[in-house]
Amino acid sequence: MSKDEKYVLLTRQIEALIAGETDAVAVMANVSAAIHEAMGFWWTGFYRVMNGELVLGPFQGPMACVHIGFGRGVCGTAWKERQTIVVPDVDQFPGHIACSSLSRSEIVVPVFSDEGEVVAVLDIDSKDLATFDDTDRKYLEGICKLLNCLP
């Protein structure tokens, strides 16, 4: 099955999982689990914007950093720039926060509220270099647009 085909099925699954759900934590938990299981990434999860910083939310994978400042690391930069960031080699990203030395590449997608504010970021890490591309960007941005129940 191609990456596109996997993402099409994953997107349908997520639409069904979150249909009618209004609890943001439940949505983030199921979405991170669905992505992690379907795509086999090393770490998949959310950081929520809370009190002026990103705070660890539901995730799948090993332990992670709990607090990330605005504009810090890949997650904080995606929040600040309000756009998806694809990092083929995290060692080449200025200011990368190494929650684990096993992370080699990363994609971070902002999640926007209906009012256009960044309310969370979806963070996905891989143990391999250059795992993420425009296909991942396109489908993960689409999945994040489904998360309209997040405050």
N, C-alpha and C. Protein backbone atom coordinates (compact mmCIF):
# COMPACT_ATOMS: atom_id res chain seq x y z
N MET A 1 0.85 -1.18 0.00
CA MET A 1 0.00 0.00 0.00
C MET A 1 0.90 1.24 0.00
N SER A 2 0.59 2.19 -0.84
CA SER A 2 1.38 3.41 -0.93
C SER A 2 1.14 4.30 0.29
N LYS A 3 2.01 5.26 0.49
CA LYS A 3 1.85 6.21 1.58
C LYS A 3 0.55 6.99 1.42
N ASP A 4 0.24 7.42 0.19
CA ASP A 4 -1.02 8.12 -0.06
C ASP A 4 -2.22 7.27 0.35
N GLU A 5 -2.21 6.01 -0.04
CA GLU A 5 -3.33 5.12 0.29
C GLU A 5 -3.46 4.95 1.81
N LYS A 6 -2.34 4.80 2.50
CA LYS A 6 -2.38 4.68 3.96
C LYS A 6 -3.00 5.93 4.59
N TYR A 7 -2.59 7.09 4.10
CA TYR A 7 -3.12 8.34 4.66
C TYR A 7 -4.60 8.53 4.35
N VAL A 8 -5.04 8.12 3.18
CA VAL A 8 -6.48 8.23 2.85
C VAL A 8 -7.29 7.39 3.83
N LEU A 9 -6.86 6.16 4.06
CA LEU A 9 -7.57 5.28 5.01
C LEU A 9 -7.48 5.84 6.43
N LEU A 10 -6.31 6.32 6.80
CA LEU A 10 -6.12 6.89 8.13
C LEU A 10 -7.03 8.09 8.35
N THR A 11 -7.13 8.94 7.36
CA THR A 11 -7.98 10.13 7.48
C THR A 11 -9.44 9.72 7.68
N ARG A 12 -9.89 8.74 6.93
CA ARG A 12 -11.28 8.24 7.10
C ARG A 12 -11.48 7.67 8.51
N GLN A 13 -10.49 6.92 8.99
CA GLN A 13 -10.58 6.34 10.33
C GLN A 13 -10.67 7.45 11.38
N ILE A 14 -9.85 8.46 11.24
CA ILE A 14 -9.86 9.56 12.21
C ILE A 14 -11.18 10.32 12.16
N GLU A 15 -11.70 10.55 10.97
CA GLU A 15 -13.01 11.21 10.86
C GLU A 15 -14.06 10.44 11.65
N ALA A 16 -14.05 9.12 11.53
CA ALA A 16 -15.02 8.29 12.26
C ALA A 16 -14.75 8.30 13.76
N LEU A 17 -13.48 8.25 14.15
CA LEU A 17 -13.11 8.23 15.56
C LEU A 17 -13.55 9.47 16.31
N ILE A 18 -13.45 10.62 15.66
CA ILE A 18 -13.70 11.88 16.37
C ILE A 18 -15.07 12.49 16.09
N ALA A 19 -15.84 11.86 15.23
CA ALA A 19 -17.16 12.39 14.88
C ALA A 19 -18.00 12.59 16.14
N GLY A 20 -18.41 13.81 16.38
CA GLY A 20 -19.28 14.12 17.51
C GLY A 20 -18.58 14.24 18.85
N GLU A 21 -17.29 13.94 18.90
CA GLU A 21 -16.57 14.03 20.18
C GLU A 21 -16.20 15.49 20.47
N THR A 22 -16.45 15.92 21.68
CA THR A 22 -16.17 17.30 22.05
C THR A 22 -15.04 17.44 23.05
N ASP A 23 -14.53 16.33 23.58
CA ASP A 23 -13.44 16.39 24.54
C ASP A 23 -12.10 16.41 23.80
N ALA A 24 -11.37 17.52 23.97
CA ALA A 24 -10.12 17.71 23.23
C ALA A 24 -9.07 16.66 23.56
N VAL A 25 -8.95 16.29 24.81
CA VAL A 25 -7.95 15.31 25.20
C VAL A 25 -8.27 13.94 24.59
N ALA A 26 -9.54 13.57 24.60
CA ALA A 26 -9.94 12.30 23.99
C ALA A 26 -9.63 12.29 22.50
N VAL A 27 -9.90 13.39 21.84
CA VAL A 27 -9.62 13.50 20.41
C VAL A 27 -8.12 13.37 20.15
N MET A 28 -7.32 14.12 20.88
CA MET A 28 -5.87 14.07 20.68
C MET A 28 -5.32 12.68 20.98
N ALA A 29 -5.86 12.01 21.99
CA ALA A 29 -5.41 10.66 22.34
C ALA A 29 -5.68 9.68 21.20
N ASN A 30 -6.91 9.70 20.68
CA ASN A 30 -7.24 8.78 19.60
C ASN A 30 -6.53 9.12 18.30
N VAL A 31 -6.37 10.39 18.01
CA VAL A 31 -5.69 10.79 16.77
C VAL A 31 -4.22 10.39 16.84
N SER A 32 -3.56 10.65 17.95
CA SER A 32 -2.14 10.27 18.05
C SER A 32 -1.99 8.75 17.96
N ALA A 33 -2.88 8.00 18.59
CA ALA A 33 -2.81 6.54 18.52
C ALA A 33 -3.05 6.03 17.09
N ALA A 34 -4.03 6.60 16.42
CA ALA A 34 -4.34 6.17 15.06
C ALA A 34 -3.18 6.43 14.10
N ILE A 35 -2.60 7.62 14.18
CA ILE A 35 -1.47 7.95 13.31
C ILE A 35 -0.29 7.05 13.62
N HIS A 36 0.01 6.90 14.89
CA HIS A 36 1.15 6.10 15.33
C HIS A 36 1.03 4.65 14.84
N GLU A 37 -0.14 4.08 15.02
CA GLU A 37 -0.36 2.69 14.63
C GLU A 37 -0.35 2.51 13.11
N ALA A 38 -1.02 3.40 12.41
CA ALA A 38 -1.14 3.25 10.95
C ALA A 38 0.18 3.50 10.23
N MET A 39 0.96 4.45 10.71
CA MET A 39 2.15 4.88 9.98
C MET A 39 3.46 4.34 10.57
N GLY A 40 3.41 3.82 11.80
CA GLY A 40 4.60 3.22 12.39
C GLY A 40 5.70 4.21 12.77
N PHE A 41 5.31 5.44 13.09
CA PHE A 41 6.31 6.43 13.49
C PHE A 41 6.85 6.11 14.88
N TRP A 42 7.99 6.71 15.24
CA TRP A 42 8.63 6.43 16.52
C TRP A 42 7.95 7.15 17.67
N TRP A 43 7.58 8.41 17.47
CA TRP A 43 6.89 9.20 18.50
C TRP A 43 5.83 10.05 17.82
N THR A 44 4.62 10.01 18.33
CA THR A 44 3.50 10.75 17.75
C THR A 44 2.69 11.36 18.88
N GLY A 45 2.53 12.67 18.87
CA GLY A 45 1.74 13.26 19.94
C GLY A 45 1.48 14.73 19.76
N PHE A 46 0.81 15.26 20.75
CA PHE A 46 0.40 16.66 20.73
C PHE A 46 1.04 17.42 21.88
N TYR A 47 1.33 18.68 21.61
CA TYR A 47 1.65 19.66 22.63
C TYR A 47 0.55 20.70 22.58
N ARG A 48 -0.01 21.05 23.74
CA ARG A 48 -1.10 22.01 23.82
C ARG A 48 -0.58 23.37 24.24
N VAL A 49 -1.12 24.42 23.66
CA VAL A 49 -0.78 25.77 24.07
C VAL A 49 -1.51 26.05 25.39
N MET A 50 -0.73 26.28 26.44
CA MET A 50 -1.29 26.53 27.76
C MET A 50 -0.41 27.54 28.48
N ASN A 51 -1.01 28.65 28.91
CA ASN A 51 -0.30 29.66 29.69
C ASN A 51 1.00 30.12 29.02
N GLY A 52 0.94 30.34 27.72
CA GLY A 52 2.07 30.91 27.01
C GLY A 52 3.20 29.95 26.67
N GLU A 53 2.96 28.65 26.78
CA GLU A 53 3.97 27.66 26.41
C GLU A 53 3.27 26.42 25.86
N LEU A 54 4.05 25.54 25.27
CA LEU A 54 3.51 24.25 24.83
C LEU A 54 3.69 23.25 25.96
N VAL A 55 2.62 22.54 26.28
CA VAL A 55 2.63 21.54 27.34
C VAL A 55 2.27 20.19 26.72
N LEU A 56 3.03 19.17 27.10
CA LEU A 56 2.82 17.83 26.57
C LEU A 56 1.37 17.38 26.73
N GLY A 57 0.81 16.87 25.64
CA GLY A 57 -0.54 16.32 25.65
C GLY A 57 -0.48 14.83 25.36
N PRO A 58 -1.58 14.25 24.92
CA PRO A 58 -1.61 12.82 24.61
C PRO A 58 -0.59 12.46 23.54
N PHE A 59 0.07 11.31 23.74
CA PHE A 59 1.08 10.87 22.78
C PHE A 59 1.24 9.36 22.80
N GLN A 60 1.95 8.86 21.81
CA GLN A 60 2.33 7.46 21.71
C GLN A 60 3.84 7.43 21.52
N GLY A 61 4.53 6.61 22.29
CA GLY A 61 5.97 6.50 22.19
C GLY A 61 6.63 6.69 23.53
N PRO A 62 7.97 6.81 23.53
CA PRO A 62 8.69 6.98 24.79
C PRO A 62 8.43 8.34 25.43
N MET A 63 8.91 8.48 26.65
CA MET A 63 8.75 9.73 27.40
C MET A 63 9.23 10.92 26.58
N ALA A 64 8.68 12.10 26.92
CA ALA A 64 8.97 13.29 26.12
C ALA A 64 9.15 14.51 27.02
N CYS A 65 9.67 15.57 26.43
CA CYS A 65 9.77 16.86 27.11
C CYS A 65 8.36 17.32 27.48
N VAL A 66 8.22 17.97 28.60
CA VAL A 66 6.90 18.39 29.07
C VAL A 66 6.57 19.82 28.68
N HIS A 67 7.53 20.73 28.77
CA HIS A 67 7.29 22.15 28.49
C HIS A 67 8.22 22.62 27.37
N ILE A 68 7.66 23.36 26.41
CA ILE A 68 8.45 23.94 25.33
C ILE A 68 8.01 25.40 25.16
N GLY A 69 8.97 26.28 25.12
CA GLY A 69 8.68 27.71 25.00
C GLY A 69 8.34 28.13 23.58
N PHE A 70 7.66 29.26 23.48
CA PHE A 70 7.29 29.87 22.20
C PHE A 70 8.57 30.15 21.40
N GLY A 71 8.62 29.62 20.18
CA GLY A 71 9.77 29.85 19.32
C GLY A 71 10.97 28.95 19.60
N ARG A 72 10.85 28.02 20.53
CA ARG A 72 11.97 27.13 20.88
C ARG A 72 11.79 25.78 20.22
N GLY A 73 12.88 25.24 19.70
CA GLY A 73 12.85 23.93 19.07
C GLY A 73 11.93 23.92 17.85
N VAL A 74 11.70 22.75 17.33
CA VAL A 74 10.85 22.62 16.14
C VAL A 74 9.40 22.92 16.50
N CYS A 75 8.93 22.39 17.64
CA CYS A 75 7.53 22.61 18.03
C CYS A 75 7.24 24.09 18.29
N GLY A 76 8.09 24.72 19.08
CA GLY A 76 7.88 26.14 19.38
C GLY A 76 8.02 27.03 18.16
N THR A 77 8.86 26.62 17.21
CA THR A 77 9.03 27.39 15.98
C THR A 77 7.80 27.24 15.09
N ALA A 78 7.26 26.03 14.98
CA ALA A 78 6.04 25.82 14.19
C ALA A 78 4.89 26.63 14.77
N TRP A 79 4.81 26.71 16.10
CA TRP A 79 3.79 27.53 16.77
C TRP A 79 4.01 29.00 16.42
N LYS A 80 5.23 29.48 16.57
CA LYS A 80 5.54 30.88 16.31
C LYS A 80 5.29 31.26 14.85
N GLU A 81 5.74 30.41 13.93
CA GLU A 81 5.61 30.71 12.50
C GLU A 81 4.25 30.32 11.92
N ARG A 82 3.45 29.61 12.72
CA ARG A 82 2.09 29.23 12.32
C ARG A 82 2.09 28.42 11.03
N GLN A 83 3.09 27.53 10.91
CA GLN A 83 3.17 26.70 9.71
C GLN A 83 3.86 25.39 10.02
N THR A 84 3.61 24.41 9.18
CA THR A 84 4.22 23.11 9.31
C THR A 84 5.72 23.21 9.05
N ILE A 85 6.48 22.48 9.84
CA ILE A 85 7.93 22.43 9.66
C ILE A 85 8.33 20.96 9.49
N VAL A 86 9.04 20.68 8.41
CA VAL A 86 9.58 19.35 8.14
C VAL A 86 11.10 19.44 8.32
N VAL A 87 11.63 18.58 9.18
CA VAL A 87 13.06 18.60 9.47
C VAL A 87 13.66 17.24 9.09
N PRO A 88 14.41 17.18 7.99
CA PRO A 88 15.00 15.91 7.55
C PRO A 88 16.07 15.37 8.51
N ASP A 89 16.79 16.29 9.19
CA ASP A 89 17.85 15.90 10.11
C ASP A 89 17.80 16.87 11.29
N VAL A 90 17.33 16.40 12.44
CA VAL A 90 17.14 17.29 13.58
C VAL A 90 18.46 17.89 14.07
N ASP A 91 19.57 17.23 13.81
CA ASP A 91 20.87 17.77 14.22
C ASP A 91 21.22 19.03 13.44
N GLN A 92 20.56 19.26 12.32
CA GLN A 92 20.82 20.44 11.50
C GLN A 92 19.83 21.58 11.77
N PHE A 93 18.88 21.36 12.69
CA PHE A 93 17.89 22.39 13.01
C PHE A 93 18.40 23.23 14.17
N PRO A 94 18.65 24.53 13.94
CA PRO A 94 19.17 25.38 15.01
C PRO A 94 18.22 25.41 16.21
N GLY A 95 18.75 25.11 17.38
CA GLY A 95 17.93 25.15 18.59
C GLY A 95 17.06 23.94 18.82
N HIS A 96 17.30 22.86 18.07
CA HIS A 96 16.51 21.64 18.27
C HIS A 96 16.60 21.19 19.73
N ILE A 97 15.45 20.84 20.30
CA ILE A 97 15.40 20.35 21.67
C ILE A 97 15.44 18.83 21.60
N ALA A 98 16.50 18.25 22.09
CA ALA A 98 16.68 16.80 22.01
C ALA A 98 16.04 16.12 23.22
N CYS A 99 14.75 15.85 23.12
CA CYS A 99 14.08 15.09 24.19
C CYS A 99 14.64 13.66 24.22
N SER A 100 15.08 13.18 23.04
CA SER A 100 15.72 11.88 22.93
C SER A 100 16.76 11.94 21.82
N SER A 101 17.89 11.35 22.07
CA SER A 101 18.94 11.30 21.05
C SER A 101 18.58 10.35 19.92
N LEU A 102 17.54 9.55 20.08
CA LEU A 102 17.13 8.60 19.04
C LEU A 102 16.32 9.27 17.93
N SER A 103 15.78 10.45 18.19
CA SER A 103 15.01 11.16 17.17
C SER A 103 15.96 11.70 16.12
N ARG A 104 15.67 11.39 14.84
CA ARG A 104 16.54 11.82 13.75
C ARG A 104 15.87 12.79 12.78
N SER A 105 14.56 12.63 12.57
CA SER A 105 13.82 13.56 11.71
C SER A 105 12.46 13.82 12.35
N GLU A 106 11.82 14.92 11.90
CA GLU A 106 10.62 15.37 12.62
C GLU A 106 9.73 16.19 11.70
N ILE A 107 8.43 16.12 11.98
CA ILE A 107 7.45 17.01 11.36
C ILE A 107 6.56 17.55 12.46
N VAL A 108 6.29 18.85 12.40
CA VAL A 108 5.41 19.48 13.39
C VAL A 108 4.36 20.29 12.63
N VAL A 109 3.08 20.02 12.96
CA VAL A 109 1.95 20.66 12.28
C VAL A 109 1.12 21.43 13.30
N PRO A 110 0.93 22.73 13.08
CA PRO A 110 0.08 23.49 14.01
C PRO A 110 -1.39 23.10 13.86
N VAL A 111 -2.08 23.16 14.98
CA VAL A 111 -3.53 22.92 15.01
C VAL A 111 -4.18 24.26 15.35
N PHE A 112 -5.10 24.70 14.49
CA PHE A 112 -5.72 26.01 14.66
C PHE A 112 -7.14 25.88 15.19
N SER A 113 -7.54 26.83 16.02
CA SER A 113 -8.93 26.93 16.47
C SER A 113 -9.77 27.52 15.34
N ASP A 114 -11.07 27.52 15.52
CA ASP A 114 -11.95 28.15 14.54
C ASP A 114 -11.65 29.64 14.39
N GLU A 115 -11.08 30.24 15.44
CA GLU A 115 -10.74 31.66 15.42
C GLU A 115 -9.37 31.93 14.79
N GLY A 116 -8.68 30.87 14.37
CA GLY A 116 -7.39 31.03 13.72
C GLY A 116 -6.19 31.08 14.65
N GLU A 117 -6.40 30.76 15.92
CA GLU A 117 -5.29 30.73 16.88
C GLU A 117 -4.68 29.33 16.92
N VAL A 118 -3.36 29.24 17.09
CA VAL A 118 -2.72 27.95 17.28
C VAL A 118 -3.06 27.48 18.70
N VAL A 119 -3.70 26.32 18.80
CA VAL A 119 -4.09 25.79 20.11
C VAL A 119 -3.28 24.56 20.49
N ALA A 120 -2.58 23.99 19.52
CA ALA A 120 -1.75 22.81 19.76
C ALA A 120 -0.85 22.60 18.56
N VAL A 121 0.11 21.71 18.71
CA VAL A 121 0.88 21.24 17.57
C VAL A 121 0.91 19.73 17.61
N LEU A 122 0.86 19.13 16.43
CA LEU A 122 1.06 17.70 16.27
C LEU A 122 2.54 17.51 15.97
N ASP A 123 3.20 16.73 16.79
CA ASP A 123 4.64 16.49 16.67
C ASP A 123 4.86 15.02 16.39
N ILE A 124 5.61 14.73 15.32
CA ILE A 124 5.90 13.34 14.98
C ILE A 124 7.40 13.22 14.72
N ASP A 125 8.01 12.23 15.37
CA ASP A 125 9.45 11.99 15.24
C ASP A 125 9.70 10.61 14.64
N SER A 126 10.84 10.50 13.97
CA SER A 126 11.28 9.24 13.39
C SER A 126 12.70 8.95 13.83
N LYS A 127 13.03 7.68 13.94
CA LYS A 127 14.40 7.28 14.24
C LYS A 127 15.29 7.33 13.00
N ASP A 128 14.69 7.56 11.84
CA ASP A 128 15.42 7.59 10.57
C ASP A 128 15.51 9.01 10.04
N LEU A 129 16.55 9.30 9.30
CA LEU A 129 16.70 10.59 8.64
C LEU A 129 15.70 10.72 7.49
N ALA A 130 15.28 11.93 7.22
CA ALA A 130 14.46 12.27 6.04
C ALA A 130 13.23 11.38 5.88
N THR A 131 12.54 11.13 6.97
CA THR A 131 11.33 10.30 6.92
C THR A 131 10.15 11.05 6.30
N PHE A 132 10.05 12.35 6.56
CA PHE A 132 8.85 13.11 6.23
C PHE A 132 9.04 13.93 4.97
N ASP A 133 7.94 14.03 4.20
CA ASP A 133 7.98 14.76 2.93
C ASP A 133 6.67 15.52 2.73
N ASP A 134 6.46 16.01 1.52
CA ASP A 134 5.25 16.79 1.23
C ASP A 134 3.97 15.95 1.33
N THR A 135 4.07 14.66 1.11
CA THR A 135 2.90 13.79 1.28
C THR A 135 2.47 13.79 2.74
N ASP A 136 3.43 13.61 3.63
CA ASP A 136 3.12 13.65 5.07
C ASP A 136 2.54 15.01 5.44
N ARG A 137 3.18 16.07 4.95
CA ARG A 137 2.70 17.42 5.25
C ARG A 137 1.25 17.59 4.83
N LYS A 138 0.94 17.22 3.60
CA LYS A 138 -0.41 17.41 3.07
C LYS A 138 -1.45 16.67 3.90
N TYR A 139 -1.22 15.41 4.16
CA TYR A 139 -2.24 14.63 4.88
C TYR A 139 -2.31 14.98 6.36
N LEU A 140 -1.17 15.24 6.99
CA LEU A 140 -1.20 15.60 8.41
C LEU A 140 -1.83 16.97 8.62
N GLU A 141 -1.60 17.90 7.70
CA GLU A 141 -2.30 19.19 7.79
C GLU A 141 -3.80 18.99 7.63
N GLY A 142 -4.21 18.10 6.73
CA GLY A 142 -5.63 17.79 6.57
C GLY A 142 -6.23 17.19 7.82
N ILE A 143 -5.51 16.27 8.44
CA ILE A 143 -5.98 15.65 9.69
C ILE A 143 -6.11 16.71 10.78
N CYS A 144 -5.13 17.61 10.87
CA CYS A 144 -5.20 18.65 11.92
C CYS A 144 -6.38 19.60 11.69
N LYS A 145 -6.77 19.79 10.46
CA LYS A 145 -7.94 20.64 10.18
C LYS A 145 -9.24 20.00 10.66
N LEU A 146 -9.23 18.69 10.85
CA LEU A 146 -10.42 17.98 11.36
C LEU A 146 -10.62 18.21 12.86
N LEU A 147 -9.60 18.71 13.54
CA LEU A 147 -9.64 18.81 15.00
C LEU A 147 -10.28 20.09 15.48
N ASN A 148 -11.46 20.38 14.97
CA ASN A 148 -12.13 21.63 15.29
C ASN A 148 -12.75 21.66 16.68
N CYS A 149 -12.72 20.54 17.41
CA CYS A 149 -13.27 20.57 18.77
C CYS A 149 -12.24 21.03 19.79
N LEU A 150 -11.00 21.25 19.34
CA LEU A 150 -10.00 21.72 20.28
C LEU A 150 -10.26 23.17 20.61
N PRO A 151 -10.16 23.54 21.88
CA PRO A 151 -10.47 24.92 22.28
C PRO A 151 -9.47 25.92 21.77
